[in-house]
């Protein structure tokens, strides 16, 4: 996510951070590098100009000049300004006290709108405990209704649909009535999209908006289209109006042009971001956390939230006791591995830890290796998982055969488990493990 932009911005600030005193020329040089990085990331030119001007003005201020760590102060200024650029404080959907809260989803065809409807439905159901329904009013695209029935069902939402032959405006209005009668907390209306902004699309959306009287209109845009996404948002805002943005395919966006431009250009905040293909790969957009990720400062709060969702308090306490008493077994290792995998790609999780981004640079992690690890551990007997020291040659051959792997793979896992126990001890004492050393097998 934003890997190219992140790398360029961190490089631009690295020289500044290394200096004990900053001159105006030092700051101007850094601003030129930042300006170029943002332009190459497809950020709107006027946004770039305003952003670098504001950062430079603050960086030349008295606070930085008198600071004992001026380089760190400049980095903080860039982080603060990036946060403001993307909307400042994180925002969320306001739930109306009178049911249902109606949310209208709009966007161009191919932006991931229908999938985003399912993801938002799941998010509101799981995170807020709301009774959610979705309405199939996208009758323009073939199979859109079938797709919404599928993703709505997976999200645990009620799906209101009347096939593909009715007027979508009538369907949307009917669905509001159904949601009200059934006591749904939220109704999300999926509307038609087209390949480009046109009068027919806008006219239909305006009619649906008038008949359903939504509490919020959310515009779904594809983050990977960069400045085009911002242009689409500007066109929608000028003709129909919307209240917030949902960015899709954010995980595949190496540049970040849409995320950094859309708020400044449209005045509307980014509310949610889709960060993967699965329905649970959807989260509230936090400008401050995103700014920290971009600058390689980690995202501890998001990591904590992910961990809390997967953690059973009693099990966590028991695991802590085992770690302190050096009773951490391969069974515990497997359970933690399974919980971690539920949180998303391992590389993305590690990048949320401050300082890990640079250590992971140039390294690749094959998620299939985690499948092999799981197969090896489950091929062991309960006693072997609790006492890996008994794994002699014949046992390792049996485990390799049973897991469909090799003896070398079994040997590597046993070695890595020993390293894992060391890491647990380091982290429990507040020390940061060296990831590159661990990936290289612990060699110094």
Protein backbone atom coordinates (compact mmCIF):
# COMPACT_ATOMS: atom_id res chain seq x y z
CA UNK A 1 0.00 0.00 0.00
CA UNK A 2 1.55 3.27 -1.20
CA UNK A 3 4.93 1.53 -1.26
CA UNK A 4 6.41 3.75 -3.98
CA UNK A 5 5.25 6.98 -2.39
CA UNK A 6 6.33 5.81 1.05
CA UNK A 7 9.81 4.95 -0.15
CA UNK A 8 10.25 8.31 -1.91
CA UNK A 9 9.00 10.38 1.02
CA UNK A 10 11.12 8.51 3.54
CA UNK A 11 14.17 9.04 1.32
CA UNK A 12 13.39 12.75 1.08
CA UNK A 13 13.23 13.06 4.86
CA UNK A 14 16.17 10.81 5.73
CA UNK A 15 18.78 13.47 4.99
CA UNK A 16 16.85 16.03 7.02
CA UNK A 17 16.60 13.68 10.01
CA UNK A 18 20.35 13.05 9.98
CA UNK A 19 21.27 16.71 10.42
CA UNK A 20 21.72 18.38 13.77
CA UNK A 21 20.93 21.80 12.33
CA UNK A 22 18.81 22.70 9.32
CA UNK A 23 19.34 25.59 6.94
CA UNK A 24 16.71 27.05 4.63
CA UNK A 25 18.49 25.35 1.72
CA UNK A 26 18.23 21.96 3.49
CA UNK A 27 14.50 22.41 3.88
CA UNK A 28 14.06 23.67 0.31
CA UNK A 29 15.93 20.62 -0.99
CA UNK A 30 13.69 18.30 1.02
CA UNK A 31 10.58 20.11 -0.24
CA UNK A 32 11.71 19.66 -3.86
CA UNK A 33 12.09 15.93 -3.29
CA UNK A 34 8.70 15.72 -1.57
CA UNK A 35 7.06 17.71 -4.37
CA UNK A 36 8.46 15.35 -6.99
CA UNK A 37 7.43 12.28 -4.97
CA UNK A 38 3.85 13.53 -4.68
CA UNK A 39 3.59 14.45 -8.35
CA UNK A 40 4.89 11.03 -9.37
CA UNK A 41 2.27 9.52 -7.04
CA UNK A 42 -0.38 11.20 -9.22
CA UNK A 43 -1.41 13.70 -6.55
CA UNK A 44 -3.21 16.74 -7.94
CA UNK A 45 -0.75 19.53 -8.85
CA UNK A 46 -2.58 22.25 -6.89
CA UNK A 47 -2.77 19.96 -3.87
CA UNK A 48 0.98 19.32 -4.08
CA UNK A 49 1.74 23.02 -4.38
CA UNK A 50 -0.40 23.92 -1.37
CA UNK A 51 0.92 21.01 0.70
CA UNK A 52 4.64 21.72 0.18
CA UNK A 53 4.10 25.43 0.74
CA UNK A 54 2.41 24.77 4.08
CA UNK A 55 5.08 22.27 5.18
CA UNK A 56 7.91 24.63 4.23
CA UNK A 57 6.32 27.56 6.08
CA UNK A 58 5.99 25.50 9.25
CA UNK A 59 9.46 23.93 8.85
CA UNK A 60 11.07 27.38 8.68
CA UNK A 61 9.27 28.43 11.85
CA UNK A 62 10.80 29.26 15.19
CA UNK A 63 9.85 25.93 16.83
CA UNK A 64 11.94 23.91 14.37
CA UNK A 65 14.89 26.27 14.45
CA UNK A 66 15.13 26.09 18.24
CA UNK A 67 14.44 22.36 18.49
CA UNK A 68 17.17 19.98 19.63
CA UNK A 69 15.95 17.52 16.96
CA UNK A 70 14.92 19.70 14.00
CA UNK A 71 14.87 16.74 11.59
CA UNK A 72 12.33 14.91 13.74
CA UNK A 73 10.26 18.08 13.99
CA UNK A 74 10.12 18.38 10.20
CA UNK A 75 9.05 14.73 9.92
CA UNK A 76 6.27 15.42 12.43
CA UNK A 77 5.17 18.45 10.43
CA UNK A 78 4.98 16.37 7.25
CA UNK A 79 2.98 13.72 9.14
CA UNK A 80 0.59 16.34 10.53
CA UNK A 81 0.06 17.95 7.13
CA UNK A 82 -0.48 14.57 5.43
CA UNK A 83 -3.11 13.83 8.08
CA UNK A 84 -4.89 17.12 7.39
CA UNK A 85 -4.61 16.58 3.65
CA UNK A 86 -6.46 13.27 3.94
CA UNK A 87 -9.19 14.67 6.16
CA UNK A 88 -7.86 15.13 9.69
CA UNK A 89 -9.90 13.10 12.19
CA UNK A 90 -11.42 9.77 11.14
CA UNK A 91 -15.17 9.85 10.55
CA UNK A 92 -17.89 7.25 10.51
CA UNK A 93 -21.48 6.76 9.42
CA UNK A 94 -23.97 8.40 11.78
CA UNK A 95 -26.79 6.00 12.64
CA UNK A 96 -30.21 7.66 12.67
CA UNK A 97 -32.40 7.12 15.77
CA UNK A 98 -35.34 6.48 13.40
CA UNK A 99 -34.96 3.23 11.46
CA UNK A 100 -33.67 2.57 8.93
CA UNK A 101 -30.55 4.63 8.26
CA UNK A 102 -30.47 4.71 4.46
CA UNK A 103 -27.07 4.71 2.74
CA UNK A 104 -26.89 5.20 -1.01
CA UNK A 105 -23.81 3.74 -2.72
CA UNK A 106 -22.79 5.32 -6.04
CA UNK A 107 -19.84 4.96 -8.39
CA UNK A 108 -18.68 4.02 -11.84
CA UNK A 109 -18.86 0.48 -13.20
CA UNK A 110 -15.72 -1.45 -12.28
CA UNK A 111 -15.00 0.53 -9.12
CA UNK A 112 -15.94 -2.41 -6.88
CA UNK A 113 -19.19 -0.82 -5.74
CA UNK A 114 -21.34 -3.93 -5.28
CA UNK A 115 -18.60 -5.73 -3.35
CA UNK A 116 -18.15 -2.59 -1.24
CA UNK A 117 -21.86 -2.74 -0.38
CA UNK A 118 -21.36 -6.26 1.02
CA UNK A 119 -18.22 -5.22 2.88
CA UNK A 120 -19.89 -2.19 4.45
CA UNK A 121 -22.89 -4.35 5.44
CA UNK A 122 -20.58 -6.83 7.17
CA UNK A 123 -18.63 -4.01 8.85
CA UNK A 124 -21.76 -2.39 10.30
CA UNK A 125 -23.12 -5.75 11.43
CA UNK A 126 -19.91 -7.03 13.02
CA UNK A 127 -18.50 -3.79 14.41
CA UNK A 128 -21.70 -2.07 15.52
CA UNK A 129 -24.05 -5.01 16.02
CA UNK A 130 -26.63 -3.53 13.64
CA UNK A 131 -29.35 -5.31 11.70
CA UNK A 132 -28.37 -4.55 8.11
CA UNK A 133 -30.17 -4.98 4.78
CA UNK A 134 -29.06 -4.28 1.22
CA UNK A 135 -31.13 -3.33 -1.81
CA UNK A 136 -30.43 -4.44 -5.39
CA UNK A 137 -31.11 -1.30 -7.43
CA UNK A 138 -28.19 -1.81 -9.83
CA UNK A 139 -30.14 -3.18 -12.80
CA UNK A 140 -27.76 -1.80 -15.41
CA UNK A 141 -24.98 -4.38 -15.18
CA UNK A 142 -25.65 -8.03 -15.98
CA UNK A 143 -25.48 -10.31 -12.92
CA UNK A 144 -25.28 -7.36 -10.49
CA UNK A 145 -28.36 -8.60 -8.62
CA UNK A 146 -26.94 -12.13 -8.34
CA UNK A 147 -23.64 -10.72 -7.10
CA UNK A 148 -25.36 -8.65 -4.41
CA UNK A 149 -27.44 -11.66 -3.30
CA UNK A 150 -24.19 -13.60 -2.87
CA UNK A 151 -22.12 -10.96 -1.06
CA UNK A 152 -25.11 -9.78 0.98
CA UNK A 153 -25.70 -13.33 2.16
CA UNK A 154 -22.03 -13.76 3.04
CA UNK A 155 -22.18 -10.52 5.03
CA UNK A 156 -25.21 -11.74 6.99
CA UNK A 157 -27.46 -9.00 5.56
CA UNK A 158 -31.04 -9.26 4.36
CA UNK A 159 -31.21 -8.77 0.59
CA UNK A 160 -34.17 -6.94 -0.95
CA UNK A 161 -34.47 -7.53 -4.69
CA UNK A 162 -37.19 -7.70 -7.35
CA UNK A 163 -35.23 -9.17 -10.21
CA UNK A 164 -33.94 -7.16 -13.16
CA UNK A 165 -37.05 -6.01 -15.01
CA UNK A 166 -38.37 -3.34 -12.63
CA UNK A 167 -37.51 0.35 -12.58
CA UNK A 168 -34.49 0.73 -10.22
CA UNK A 169 -36.02 3.87 -8.70
CA UNK A 170 -39.14 1.91 -7.75
CA UNK A 171 -37.04 -0.97 -6.41
CA UNK A 172 -35.03 1.37 -4.19
CA UNK A 173 -38.16 3.02 -2.79
CA UNK A 174 -39.81 -0.38 -2.21
CA UNK A 175 -36.71 -1.60 -0.36
CA UNK A 176 -36.87 1.35 2.03
CA UNK A 177 -40.43 0.38 2.87
CA UNK A 178 -39.41 -3.24 3.43
CA UNK A 179 -36.52 -2.24 5.69
CA UNK A 180 -38.82 -0.01 7.74
CA UNK A 181 -41.44 -2.75 8.08
CA UNK A 182 -38.83 -5.34 9.13
CA UNK A 183 -37.13 -3.07 11.67
CA UNK A 184 -33.74 -2.99 9.92
CA UNK A 185 -31.24 -0.58 11.46
CA UNK A 186 -29.50 0.15 8.16
CA UNK A 187 -30.42 -0.19 4.48
CA UNK A 188 -27.59 0.06 1.93
CA UNK A 189 -28.81 0.71 -1.61
CA UNK A 190 -26.62 -0.51 -4.48
CA UNK A 191 -27.12 1.73 -7.53
CA UNK A 192 -26.11 1.40 -11.16
CA UNK A 193 -22.72 2.46 -12.45
CA UNK A 194 -21.46 3.12 -15.93
CA UNK A 195 -18.08 3.23 -17.63
CA UNK A 196 -18.06 7.01 -17.44
CA UNK A 197 -20.00 9.90 -15.94
CA UNK A 198 -23.05 10.69 -18.11
CA UNK A 199 -26.42 12.45 -17.87
CA UNK A 200 -28.42 9.20 -17.75
CA UNK A 201 -26.43 7.89 -14.81
CA UNK A 202 -26.74 11.14 -12.89
CA UNK A 203 -30.44 11.49 -13.64
CA UNK A 204 -31.22 8.00 -12.32
CA UNK A 205 -29.11 8.53 -9.22
CA UNK A 206 -30.81 11.88 -8.54
CA UNK A 207 -34.24 10.21 -8.78
CA UNK A 208 -33.25 7.41 -6.39
CA UNK A 209 -31.83 9.96 -4.00
CA UNK A 210 -35.06 11.98 -4.08
CA UNK A 211 -37.31 8.93 -3.54
CA UNK A 212 -35.25 7.22 -0.82
CA UNK A 213 -34.08 10.37 1.02
CA UNK A 214 -30.79 8.77 2.16
CA UNK A 215 -28.98 9.86 5.30
CA UNK A 216 -25.66 9.44 3.50
CA UNK A 217 -24.55 9.10 -0.11
CA UNK A 218 -21.20 7.33 -0.37
CA UNK A 219 -19.14 7.48 -3.55
CA UNK A 220 -17.08 4.38 -4.31
CA UNK A 221 -13.88 5.07 -6.26
CA UNK A 222 -11.03 2.83 -7.38
CA UNK A 223 -7.86 4.03 -5.63
CA UNK A 224 -5.66 2.50 -8.34
CA UNK A 225 -7.01 4.92 -10.97
CA UNK A 226 -5.31 7.80 -9.16
CA UNK A 227 -6.20 11.24 -10.47
CA UNK A 228 -9.01 9.79 -12.60
CA UNK A 229 -10.72 8.73 -9.37
CA UNK A 230 -10.49 12.31 -8.11
CA UNK A 231 -11.94 13.63 -11.37
CA UNK A 232 -14.87 11.20 -11.06
CA UNK A 233 -15.46 12.32 -7.47
CA UNK A 234 -15.42 15.96 -8.54
CA UNK A 235 -17.97 15.25 -11.30
CA UNK A 236 -20.31 13.38 -8.94
CA UNK A 237 -20.01 16.11 -6.34
CA UNK A 238 -20.89 18.80 -8.84
CA UNK A 239 -23.94 17.04 -10.32
CA UNK A 240 -25.52 14.87 -7.63
CA UNK A 241 -23.57 15.42 -4.43
CA UNK A 242 -22.24 12.92 -1.93
CA UNK A 243 -21.21 12.86 1.72
CA UNK A 244 -18.15 10.63 1.85
CA UNK A 245 -15.82 8.40 -0.13
CA UNK A 246 -15.14 4.67 -0.04
CA UNK A 247 -11.73 3.85 -1.54
CA UNK A 248 -11.47 0.37 -3.05
CA UNK A 249 -8.35 -1.59 -4.04
CA UNK A 250 -6.25 0.45 -1.64
CA UNK A 251 -4.01 -2.57 -1.04
CA UNK A 252 -2.92 -2.52 -4.69
CA UNK A 253 -2.25 1.22 -4.86
CA UNK A 254 1.50 1.87 -4.80
CA UNK A 255 1.11 5.58 -5.52
CA UNK A 256 -1.61 7.08 -3.33
CA UNK A 257 -2.79 9.88 -5.63
CA UNK A 258 -6.49 9.36 -4.95
CA UNK A 259 -6.18 9.08 -1.17
CA UNK A 260 -4.08 12.24 -0.96
CA UNK A 261 -6.14 14.34 -3.37
CA UNK A 262 -9.82 13.52 -3.02
CA UNK A 263 -10.53 15.34 0.26
CA UNK A 264 -8.73 18.50 -0.81
CA UNK A 265 -10.47 18.60 -4.20
CA UNK A 266 -14.02 17.60 -3.22
CA UNK A 267 -14.16 18.66 0.41
CA UNK A 268 -15.63 15.25 1.25
CA UNK A 269 -13.86 12.87 3.66
CA UNK A 270 -12.72 9.32 2.98
CA UNK A 271 -14.81 7.21 5.35
CA UNK A 272 -13.80 3.65 4.49
CA UNK A 273 -11.12 1.75 2.61
CA UNK A 274 -11.22 -1.67 1.02
CA UNK A 275 -7.86 -3.38 1.54
CA UNK A 276 -8.32 -6.80 -0.06
CA UNK A 277 -10.67 -9.17 -1.83
CA UNK A 278 -12.28 -10.81 1.23
CA UNK A 279 -15.34 -9.27 2.86
CA UNK A 280 -13.47 -8.57 6.10
CA UNK A 281 -10.76 -6.61 4.24
CA UNK A 282 -12.58 -3.36 4.93
CA UNK A 283 -11.90 -0.73 7.55
CA UNK A 284 -12.54 2.82 8.62
CA UNK A 285 -10.09 5.25 7.06
CA UNK A 286 -7.86 6.93 9.65
CA UNK A 287 -5.89 9.81 8.06
CA UNK A 288 -3.41 10.01 10.96
CA UNK A 289 -2.64 6.28 10.84
CA UNK A 290 -2.29 6.34 7.06
CA UNK A 291 0.13 9.27 7.29
CA UNK A 292 2.23 7.32 9.80
CA UNK A 293 2.25 4.25 7.54
CA UNK A 294 3.36 6.33 4.55
CA UNK A 295 6.26 7.79 6.53
CA UNK A 296 7.35 4.39 7.88
CA UNK A 297 6.26 5.21 11.42
CA UNK A 298 4.06 2.13 11.73
CA UNK A 299 0.41 1.89 12.71
CA UNK A 300 0.29 0.53 16.22
CA UNK A 301 -3.36 1.41 16.86
CA UNK A 302 -4.63 -0.55 13.85
CA UNK A 303 -2.42 -3.48 14.82
CA UNK A 304 -3.79 -3.43 18.38
CA UNK A 305 -7.37 -3.36 17.04
CA UNK A 306 -6.68 -6.35 14.79
CA UNK A 307 -5.13 -8.27 17.67
CA UNK A 308 -8.02 -7.44 20.02
CA UNK A 309 -10.55 -8.80 17.51
CA UNK A 310 -8.76 -12.15 17.44
CA UNK A 311 -7.79 -12.40 21.09
CA UNK A 312 -9.65 -14.26 23.80
CA UNK A 313 -8.77 -12.58 27.10
CA UNK A 314 -8.51 -15.80 29.10
CA UNK A 315 -6.39 -17.48 26.43
CA UNK A 316 -4.17 -14.40 26.24
CA UNK A 317 -3.51 -14.53 29.97
CA UNK A 318 -2.73 -18.24 29.79
CA UNK A 319 -0.35 -17.64 26.88
CA UNK A 320 1.39 -14.87 28.83
CA UNK A 321 1.90 -17.26 31.76
CA UNK A 322 3.34 -19.91 29.43
CA UNK A 323 5.76 -17.40 27.90
CA UNK A 324 6.96 -16.24 31.32
CA UNK A 325 7.42 -19.81 32.49
CA UNK A 326 9.02 -20.95 29.21
CA UNK A 327 6.16 -23.41 28.51
CA UNK A 328 5.33 -22.10 25.05
CA UNK A 329 4.70 -25.20 22.87
CA UNK A 330 4.24 -25.91 19.18
CA UNK A 331 0.51 -26.20 19.86
CA UNK A 332 0.58 -22.62 21.15
CA UNK A 333 2.70 -21.62 18.16
CA UNK A 334 0.13 -23.14 15.77
CA UNK A 335 -2.78 -21.43 17.52
CA UNK A 336 -1.05 -18.04 17.34
CA UNK A 337 -0.18 -18.64 13.69
CA UNK A 338 -3.83 -19.34 12.88
CA UNK A 339 -4.93 -16.18 14.69
CA UNK A 340 -2.32 -14.07 12.89
CA UNK A 341 -3.44 -15.37 9.51
CA UNK A 342 -6.97 -14.18 10.22
CA UNK A 343 -5.65 -10.61 10.52
CA UNK A 344 -4.37 -10.40 6.95
CA UNK A 345 -1.08 -10.77 5.05
CA UNK A 346 1.90 -11.14 7.41
CA UNK A 347 3.97 -8.49 5.62
CA UNK A 348 1.22 -5.90 6.08
CA UNK A 349 0.98 -6.69 9.79
CA UNK A 350 4.73 -6.37 10.35
CA UNK A 351 4.76 -2.99 8.58
CA UNK A 352 2.39 -1.70 11.26
CA UNK A 353 5.18 -2.08 13.82
CA UNK A 354 7.30 1.11 13.94
CA UNK A 355 10.68 0.61 12.29
CA UNK A 356 9.76 -2.68 10.61
CA UNK A 357 9.11 -1.14 7.20
CA UNK A 358 12.80 -0.52 6.50
CA UNK A 359 13.83 -3.93 7.84
CA UNK A 360 11.36 -5.61 5.46
CA UNK A 361 12.51 -3.64 2.41
CA UNK A 362 13.41 -5.98 -0.43
CA UNK A 363 12.23 -9.06 1.48
CA UNK A 364 9.43 -11.35 0.34
CA UNK A 365 7.25 -13.60 2.47
CA UNK A 366 5.58 -16.58 0.86
CA UNK A 367 2.23 -17.11 2.59
CA UNK A 368 2.28 -20.73 1.35
CA UNK A 369 5.14 -21.35 3.76
CA UNK A 370 2.62 -20.88 6.58
CA UNK A 371 0.56 -23.73 5.09
CA UNK A 372 3.63 -25.98 5.18
CA UNK A 373 4.34 -25.02 8.79
CA UNK A 374 0.79 -25.89 9.77
CA UNK A 375 0.99 -29.24 7.95
CA UNK A 376 4.23 -30.15 9.73
CA UNK A 377 2.94 -29.30 13.21
CA UNK A 378 -0.36 -31.16 12.74
CA UNK A 379 1.61 -34.24 11.59
CA UNK A 380 3.29 -34.43 15.02
CA UNK A 381 1.86 -36.27 18.00
CA UNK A 382 0.59 -34.18 20.94
CA UNK A 383 3.66 -35.24 22.95
CA UNK A 384 6.03 -34.18 20.15
CA UNK A 385 4.36 -30.78 19.89
CA UNK A 386 4.84 -30.27 23.62
CA UNK A 387 8.40 -31.69 23.64
CA UNK A 388 10.13 -30.97 20.29
CA UNK A 389 13.44 -32.02 21.82
CA UNK A 390 12.41 -35.69 21.34
CA UNK A 391 12.27 -35.29 17.56
CA UNK A 392 15.03 -37.69 16.46
CA UNK A 393 15.77 -38.72 12.88
CA UNK A 394 13.06 -41.39 12.52
CA UNK A 395 10.37 -39.13 13.98
CA UNK A 396 11.34 -36.31 11.64
CA UNK A 397 11.17 -38.66 8.63
CA UNK A 398 7.68 -39.76 9.68
CA UNK A 399 6.52 -36.15 10.13
CA UNK A 400 7.97 -35.10 6.76
CA UNK A 401 6.17 -37.97 5.04
CA UNK A 402 2.89 -37.27 6.83
CA UNK A 403 2.96 -33.56 6.01
CA UNK A 404 4.06 -33.96 2.41
CA UNK A 405 7.20 -31.92 3.07
CA UNK A 406 10.89 -32.72 3.56
CA UNK A 407 13.12 -33.57 6.51
CA UNK A 408 14.91 -30.28 5.85
CA UNK A 409 11.57 -28.49 6.21
CA UNK A 410 10.93 -30.18 9.55
CA UNK A 411 14.44 -29.32 10.74
CA UNK A 412 13.94 -25.69 9.70
CA UNK A 413 10.65 -25.43 11.60
CA UNK A 414 12.17 -26.86 14.78
CA UNK A 415 15.01 -24.36 14.48
CA UNK A 416 12.60 -21.48 13.83
CA UNK A 417 10.51 -22.50 16.82
CA UNK A 418 13.61 -22.19 18.99
CA UNK A 419 14.14 -18.70 17.55
CA UNK A 420 10.48 -17.89 18.16
CA UNK A 421 10.89 -18.70 21.84
CA UNK A 422 13.84 -16.29 21.97
CA UNK A 423 11.76 -13.59 20.25
CA UNK A 424 8.98 -14.08 22.79
CA UNK A 425 11.44 -13.53 25.60
CA UNK A 426 12.86 -10.41 23.91
CA UNK A 427 9.44 -8.88 23.29
CA UNK A 428 8.25 -9.64 26.83
CA UNK A 429 11.25 -7.64 28.08
CA UNK A 430 10.47 -4.73 25.72
CA UNK A 431 13.16 -5.41 23.12
CA UNK A 432 12.55 -5.17 19.36
CA UNK A 433 13.70 -8.31 17.50
CA UNK A 434 15.82 -7.93 14.37
CA UNK A 435 13.62 -9.30 11.58
CA UNK A 436 16.42 -9.57 9.02
CA UNK A 437 18.51 -11.70 11.37
CA UNK A 438 15.55 -13.94 12.08
CA UNK A 439 14.76 -14.37 8.37
CA UNK A 440 18.40 -15.22 7.73
CA UNK A 441 18.24 -17.98 10.31
CA UNK A 442 19.54 -16.00 13.24
CA UNK A 443 23.07 -15.61 11.81
CA UNK A 444 25.09 -12.66 12.96
